[in-house]
C-alpha atoms as a PDB file:
ATOM      1  CA  MET A   1      43.799 -25.634  -4.738  1.00  0.00           C
ATOM      2  CA  MET A   2      41.455 -27.816  -6.670  1.00  0.00           C
ATOM      3  CA  ILE A   3      38.317 -29.606  -5.559  1.00  0.00           C
ATOM      4  CA  SER A   4      37.287 -32.939  -7.054  1.00  0.00           C
ATOM      5  CA  LYS A   5      34.698 -33.011  -9.810  1.00  0.00           C
ATOM      6  CA  LYS A   6      32.343 -34.939  -7.507  1.00  0.00           C
ATOM      7  CA  LEU A   7      32.645 -32.388  -4.689  1.00  0.00           C
ATOM      8  CA  ASN A   8      32.339 -29.547  -7.207  1.00  0.00           C
ATOM      9  CA  THR A   9      29.073 -31.036  -8.477  1.00  0.00           C
ATOM     10  CA  LEU A  10      27.746 -31.507  -4.941  1.00  0.00           C
ATOM     11  CA  LEU A  11      28.698 -27.958  -3.953  1.00  0.00           C
ATOM     12  CA  ASN A  12      26.910 -26.552  -7.015  1.00  0.00           C
ATOM     13  CA  GLU A  13      23.834 -28.594  -6.092  1.00  0.00           C
ATOM     14  CA  GLN A  14      24.043 -27.261  -2.538  1.00  0.00           C
ATOM     15  CA  VAL A  15      24.088 -23.685  -3.825  1.00  0.00           C
ATOM     16  CA  GLY A  16      20.737 -24.510  -5.426  1.00  0.00           C
ATOM     17  CA  HIS A  17      19.452 -26.129  -2.220  1.00  0.00           C
ATOM     18  CA  GLU A  18      20.377 -23.041  -0.194  1.00  0.00           C
ATOM     19  CA  LEU A  19      18.719 -20.708  -2.702  1.00  0.00           C
ATOM     20  CA  SER A  20      15.647 -22.942  -2.707  1.00  0.00           C
ATOM     21  CA  ALA A  21      15.561 -22.795   1.099  1.00  0.00           C
ATOM     22  CA  SER A  22      15.785 -19.008   0.873  1.00  0.00           C
ATOM     23  CA  HIS A  23      12.764 -18.910  -1.442  1.00  0.00           C
ATOM     24  CA  GLN A  24      10.837 -21.262   0.849  1.00  0.00           C
ATOM     25  CA  TYR A  25      11.536 -19.034   3.824  1.00  0.00           C
ATOM     26  CA  VAL A  26      10.208 -16.029   1.892  1.00  0.00           C
ATOM     27  CA  ALA A  27       7.007 -17.995   1.233  1.00  0.00           C
ATOM     28  CA  ILE A  28       6.729 -18.907   4.930  1.00  0.00           C
ATOM     29  CA  ALA A  29       7.418 -15.302   5.932  1.00  0.00           C
ATOM     30  CA  THR A  30       4.670 -14.008   3.647  1.00  0.00           C
ATOM     31  CA  TYR A  31       2.219 -16.475   5.212  1.00  0.00           C
ATOM     32  CA  PHE A  32       2.954 -14.995   8.643  1.00  0.00           C
ATOM     33  CA  ASP A  33       2.953 -11.444   7.256  1.00  0.00           C
ATOM     34  CA  GLN A  34      -0.534 -11.977   5.831  1.00  0.00           C
ATOM     35  CA  ALA A  35      -1.664 -13.589   9.107  1.00  0.00           C
ATOM     36  CA  ALA A  36      -0.731 -10.392  11.015  1.00  0.00           C
ATOM     37  CA  LEU A  37       2.105 -12.127  12.855  1.00  0.00           C
ATOM     38  CA  PRO A  38       4.881  -9.612  12.130  1.00  0.00           C
ATOM     39  CA  THR A  39       7.536 -11.054  14.430  1.00  0.00           C
ATOM     40  CA  MET A  40       7.169 -14.529  12.917  1.00  0.00           C
ATOM     41  CA  ALA A  41       7.320 -12.918   9.475  1.00  0.00           C
ATOM     42  CA  LYS A  42      10.456 -10.971  10.429  1.00  0.00           C
ATOM     43  CA  HIS A  43      12.087 -14.183  11.706  1.00  0.00           C
ATOM     44  CA  TYR A  44      11.456 -16.014   8.438  1.00  0.00           C
ATOM     45  CA  TYR A  45      12.486 -13.065   6.245  1.00  0.00           C
ATOM     46  CA  ALA A  46      15.766 -13.066   8.186  1.00  0.00           C
ATOM     47  CA  GLN A  47      16.056 -16.822   7.637  1.00  0.00           C
ATOM     48  CA  ALA A  48      15.608 -16.248   3.899  1.00  0.00           C
ATOM     49  CA  LEU A  49      18.505 -13.785   3.857  1.00  0.00           C
ATOM     50  CA  GLU A  50      20.631 -16.167   5.903  1.00  0.00           C
ATOM     51  CA  GLU A  51      20.061 -19.014   3.434  1.00  0.00           C
ATOM     52  CA  ARG A  52      21.026 -16.719   0.569  1.00  0.00           C
ATOM     53  CA  ASP A  53      24.201 -15.856   2.470  1.00  0.00           C
ATOM     54  CA  HIS A  54      24.903 -19.572   2.866  1.00  0.00           C
ATOM     55  CA  ALA A  55      24.600 -20.001  -0.896  1.00  0.00           C
ATOM     56  CA  MET A  56      27.030 -17.146  -1.437  1.00  0.00           C
ATOM     57  CA  ARG A  57      29.499 -18.668   1.027  1.00  0.00           C
ATOM     58  CA  LEU A  58      29.404 -21.880  -1.024  1.00  0.00           C
ATOM     59  CA  VAL A  59      29.803 -19.931  -4.284  1.00  0.00           C
ATOM     60  CA  LYS A  60      32.891 -18.267  -2.866  1.00  0.00           C
ATOM     61  CA  HIS A  61      34.323 -21.626  -1.786  1.00  0.00           C
ATOM     62  CA  VAL A  62      33.813 -23.139  -5.248  1.00  0.00           C
ATOM     63  CA  LEU A  63      35.479 -20.138  -6.897  1.00  0.00           C
ATOM     64  CA  ASP A  64      38.334 -19.965  -4.370  1.00  0.00           C
ATOM     65  CA  SER A  65      38.914 -23.697  -4.958  1.00  0.00           C
ATOM     66  CA  ASP A  66      39.277 -23.224  -8.727  1.00  0.00           C
ATOM     67  CA  GLY A  67      36.040 -25.108  -9.208  1.00  0.00           C
ATOM     68  CA  GLU A  68      33.481 -24.563 -11.931  1.00  0.00           C
ATOM     69  CA  LEU A  69      30.370 -22.779 -10.706  1.00  0.00           C
ATOM     70  CA  LYS A  70      27.053 -23.899 -12.184  1.00  0.00           C
ATOM     71  CA  ILE A  71      24.053 -22.514 -10.335  1.00  0.00           C
ATOM     72  CA  PRO A  72      21.087 -24.853 -10.783  1.00  0.00           C
ATOM     73  CA  SER A  73      17.534 -23.738 -11.312  1.00  0.00           C
ATOM     74  CA  VAL A  74      15.421 -23.438  -8.196  1.00  0.00           C
ATOM     75  CA  PRO A  75      11.923 -24.927  -7.940  1.00  0.00           C
ATOM     76  CA  ALA A  76       9.037 -22.757  -6.827  1.00  0.00           C
ATOM     77  CA  PRO A  77       8.448 -22.844  -3.083  1.00  0.00           C
ATOM     78  CA  LYS A  78       5.309 -24.213  -1.465  1.00  0.00           C
ATOM     79  CA  MET A  79       2.897 -21.332  -1.028  1.00  0.00           C
ATOM     80  CA  GLY A  80      -0.091 -21.136   1.262  1.00  0.00           C
ATOM     81  CA  PHE A  81      -0.373 -23.036   4.498  1.00  0.00           C
ATOM     82  CA  LYS A  82      -3.460 -24.238   6.317  1.00  0.00           C
ATOM     83  CA  ASN A  83      -2.056 -23.022   9.647  1.00  0.00           C
ATOM     84  CA  SER A  84       1.059 -21.837  11.463  1.00  0.00           C
ATOM     85  CA  LEU A  85       2.060 -25.337  12.493  1.00  0.00           C
ATOM     86  CA  GLU A  86       2.225 -26.519   8.892  1.00  0.00           C
ATOM     87  CA  ALA A  87       4.479 -23.582   8.027  1.00  0.00           C
ATOM     88  CA  VAL A  88       6.929 -24.098  10.905  1.00  0.00           C
ATOM     89  CA  GLN A  89       6.987 -27.862  10.356  1.00  0.00           C
ATOM     90  CA  LEU A  90       7.973 -27.278   6.731  1.00  0.00           C
ATOM     91  CA  ALA A  91      10.798 -25.025   7.925  1.00  0.00           C
ATOM     92  CA  LEU A  92      12.040 -27.750  10.289  1.00  0.00           C
ATOM     93  CA  ALA A  93      11.804 -30.424   7.579  1.00  0.00           C
ATOM     94  CA  GLY A  94      13.841 -28.176   5.296  1.00  0.00           C
ATOM     95  CA  GLU A  95      16.544 -27.695   7.931  1.00  0.00           C
ATOM     96  CA  LEU A  96      16.754 -31.446   8.540  1.00  0.00           C
ATOM     97  CA  GLN A  97      17.113 -32.002   4.794  1.00  0.00           C
ATOM     98  CA  VAL A  98      19.856 -29.372   4.517  1.00  0.00           C
ATOM     99  CA  THR A  99      21.648 -30.994   7.465  1.00  0.00           C
ATOM    100  CA  ALA A 100      21.731 -34.316   5.594  1.00  0.00           C
ATOM    101  CA  GLN A 101      23.000 -32.525   2.476  1.00  0.00           C
ATOM    102  CA  ILE A 102      25.780 -30.782   4.417  1.00  0.00           C
ATOM    103  CA  ASN A 103      26.758 -34.091   6.020  1.00  0.00           C
ATOM    104  CA  ALA A 104      27.057 -35.622   2.534  1.00  0.00           C
ATOM    105  CA  LEU A 105      29.314 -32.747   1.464  1.00  0.00           C
ATOM    106  CA  VAL A 106      31.557 -33.276   4.482  1.00  0.00           C
ATOM    107  CA  ASP A 107      31.642 -37.025   3.780  1.00  0.00           C
ATOM    108  CA  GLN A 108      32.758 -36.316   0.208  1.00  0.00           C
ATOM    109  CA  ALA A 109      35.436 -33.858   1.339  1.00  0.00           C
ATOM    110  CA  ILE A 110      36.746 -36.523   3.755  1.00  0.00           C
ATOM    111  CA  ALA A 111      36.685 -39.180   1.015  1.00  0.00           C
ATOM    112  CA  ASP A 112      38.620 -36.788  -1.233  1.00  0.00           C
ATOM    113  CA  LYS A 113      41.071 -36.007   1.584  1.00  0.00           C
ATOM    114  CA  ASP A 114      40.217 -32.370   0.879  1.00  0.00           C
ATOM    115  CA  HIS A 115      40.921 -30.884   4.287  1.00  0.00           C
ATOM    116  CA  LEU A 116      40.431 -27.300   3.140  1.00  0.00           C
ATOM    117  CA  SER A 117      36.899 -28.036   1.969  1.00  0.00           C
ATOM    118  CA  LYS A 118      36.186 -30.131   5.052  1.00  0.00           C
ATOM    119  CA  ASN A 119      37.305 -27.237   7.231  1.00  0.00           C
ATOM    120  CA  ALA A 120      35.139 -24.775   5.278  1.00  0.00           C
ATOM    121  CA  LEU A 121      32.147 -27.115   5.551  1.00  0.00           C
ATOM    122  CA  GLU A 122      32.509 -27.493   9.323  1.00  0.00           C
ATOM    123  CA  TRP A 123      31.062 -23.979   9.622  1.00  0.00           C
ATOM    124  CA  PHE A 124      27.888 -25.273   7.966  1.00  0.00           C
ATOM    125  CA  VAL A 125      27.750 -28.300  10.286  1.00  0.00           C
ATOM    126  CA  ASN A 126      27.719 -25.995  13.317  1.00  0.00           C
ATOM    127  CA  GLU A 127      25.245 -23.647  11.646  1.00  0.00           C
ATOM    128  CA  GLN A 128      22.859 -26.528  10.988  1.00  0.00           C
ATOM    129  CA  ARG A 129      22.898 -27.525  14.649  1.00  0.00           C
ATOM    130  CA  GLU A 130      21.702 -24.020  15.511  1.00  0.00           C
ATOM    131  CA  GLU A 131      19.150 -23.959  12.685  1.00  0.00           C
ATOM    132  CA  VAL A 132      17.617 -27.323  13.621  1.00  0.00           C
ATOM    133  CA  THR A 133      17.500 -26.345  17.299  1.00  0.00           C
ATOM    134  CA  SER A 134      15.692 -23.071  16.523  1.00  0.00           C
ATOM    135  CA  ALA A 135      13.266 -24.696  14.095  1.00  0.00           C
ATOM    136  CA  THR A 136      12.503 -27.494  16.571  1.00  0.00           C
ATOM    137  CA  THR A 137      11.840 -24.952  19.326  1.00  0.00           C
ATOM    138  CA  LEU A 138       9.400 -23.053  17.109  1.00  0.00           C
ATOM    139  CA  VAL A 139       7.547 -26.241  16.142  1.00  0.00           C
ATOM    140  CA  GLN A 140       7.205 -27.204  19.806  1.00  0.00           C
ATOM    141  CA  MET A 141       6.044 -23.722  20.784  1.00  0.00           C
ATOM    142  CA  VAL A 142       3.488 -23.477  17.981  1.00  0.00           C
ATOM    143  CA  LYS A 143       2.147 -26.929  18.889  1.00  0.00           C
ATOM    144  CA  ARG A 144       1.849 -25.906  22.525  1.00  0.00           C
ATOM    145  CA  ALA A 145       0.330 -22.495  21.780  1.00  0.00           C
ATOM    146  CA  GLY A 146      -2.068 -23.569  19.048  1.00  0.00           C
ATOM    147  CA  GLU A 147      -3.324 -21.164  16.423  1.00  0.00           C
ATOM    148  CA  GLY A 148      -5.133 -19.064  19.022  1.00  0.00           C
ATOM    149  CA  GLY A 149      -1.969 -18.690  21.088  1.00  0.00           C
ATOM    150  CA  MET A 150       0.350 -17.421  18.374  1.00  0.00           C
ATOM    151  CA  PHE A 151       0.551 -14.105  20.255  1.00  0.00           C
ATOM    152  CA  PHE A 152       2.670 -15.926  22.865  1.00  0.00           C
ATOM    153  CA  VAL A 153       5.029 -17.235  20.171  1.00  0.00           C
ATOM    154  CA  GLU A 154       5.267 -13.692  18.795  1.00  0.00           C
ATOM    155  CA  ALA A 155       6.122 -12.373  22.266  1.00  0.00           C
ATOM    156  CA  PHE A 156       8.755 -15.095  22.750  1.00  0.00           C
ATOM    157  CA  LEU A 157      10.451 -14.150  19.487  1.00  0.00           C
ATOM    158  CA  LYS A 158      10.143 -10.427  20.137  1.00  0.00           C
ATOM    159  CA  ASP A 159      11.867 -10.912  23.505  1.00  0.00           C
ATOM    160  CA  GLY A 160      14.793 -12.668  21.788  1.00  0.00           C
ATOM    161  CA  GLY A 161      13.732 -16.126  22.950  1.00  0.00           C
ATOM    162  CA  LEU A 162      15.421 -18.066  20.157  1.00  0.00           C
ATOM    163  CA  ALA A 163      18.701 -16.196  20.599  1.00  0.00           C
ATOM    164  CA  GLU A 164      18.584 -16.989  24.316  1.00  0.00           C
ATOM    165  CA  ALA A 165      17.745 -20.638  23.630  1.00  0.00           C
ATOM    166  CA  GLU A 166      20.660 -20.924  21.177  1.00  0.00           C
ATOM    167  CA  GLY A 167      22.969 -19.168  23.636  1.00  0.00           C
ATOM    168  CA  ALA A 168      22.136 -21.711  26.338  1.00  0.00           C
ATOM    169  CA  GLY A 169      24.324 -24.210  24.500  1.00  0.00           C
ATOM    170  CA  GLY A 170      27.273 -21.848  24.685  1.00  0.00           C
ATOM    171  CA  GLU A 171      27.321 -20.805  21.043  1.00  0.00           C
ATOM    172  CA  GLY A 172      24.921 -17.886  20.615  1.00  0.00           C
ATOM    173  CA  ALA A 173      22.925 -16.977  17.549  1.00  0.00           C
ATOM    174  CA  ALA A 174      24.621 -16.883  14.162  1.00  0.00           C
END
């Protein structure tokens, strides 16, 4: 099977976007680690690994599709945040951006009548729904709790709150 040159280019770019997201999540995790919020840090370290796994899933698709893999350079992540809200809002903004990028990939696969790629990309569409939902929940909780109430956000995460929130829609955590 062969993917179009346009889709190949977009997939290579998305590998870079996913790796960039992984780096950004490491930066967010270290902010929470240094702020003595270990459960928030653990959540974002896990997000970093998940984004790397997404990049690898795309790499595999390009290679399995007889495409040409070109991994782009990744810009340095934003480091240092003035507060927890800024960090979680950046995570949400990143997930919304990735959602738009995935939608563009699906649109290209449809335009190419590449049903195999479209099918492979549907996994990412569903994943992004979960990612945006989780990131939105954390932004809302951090806003509600304020910097002085981050212990409550920690407790929510420690008790599996995001997994339960994701499961409420019938899908469960990825």
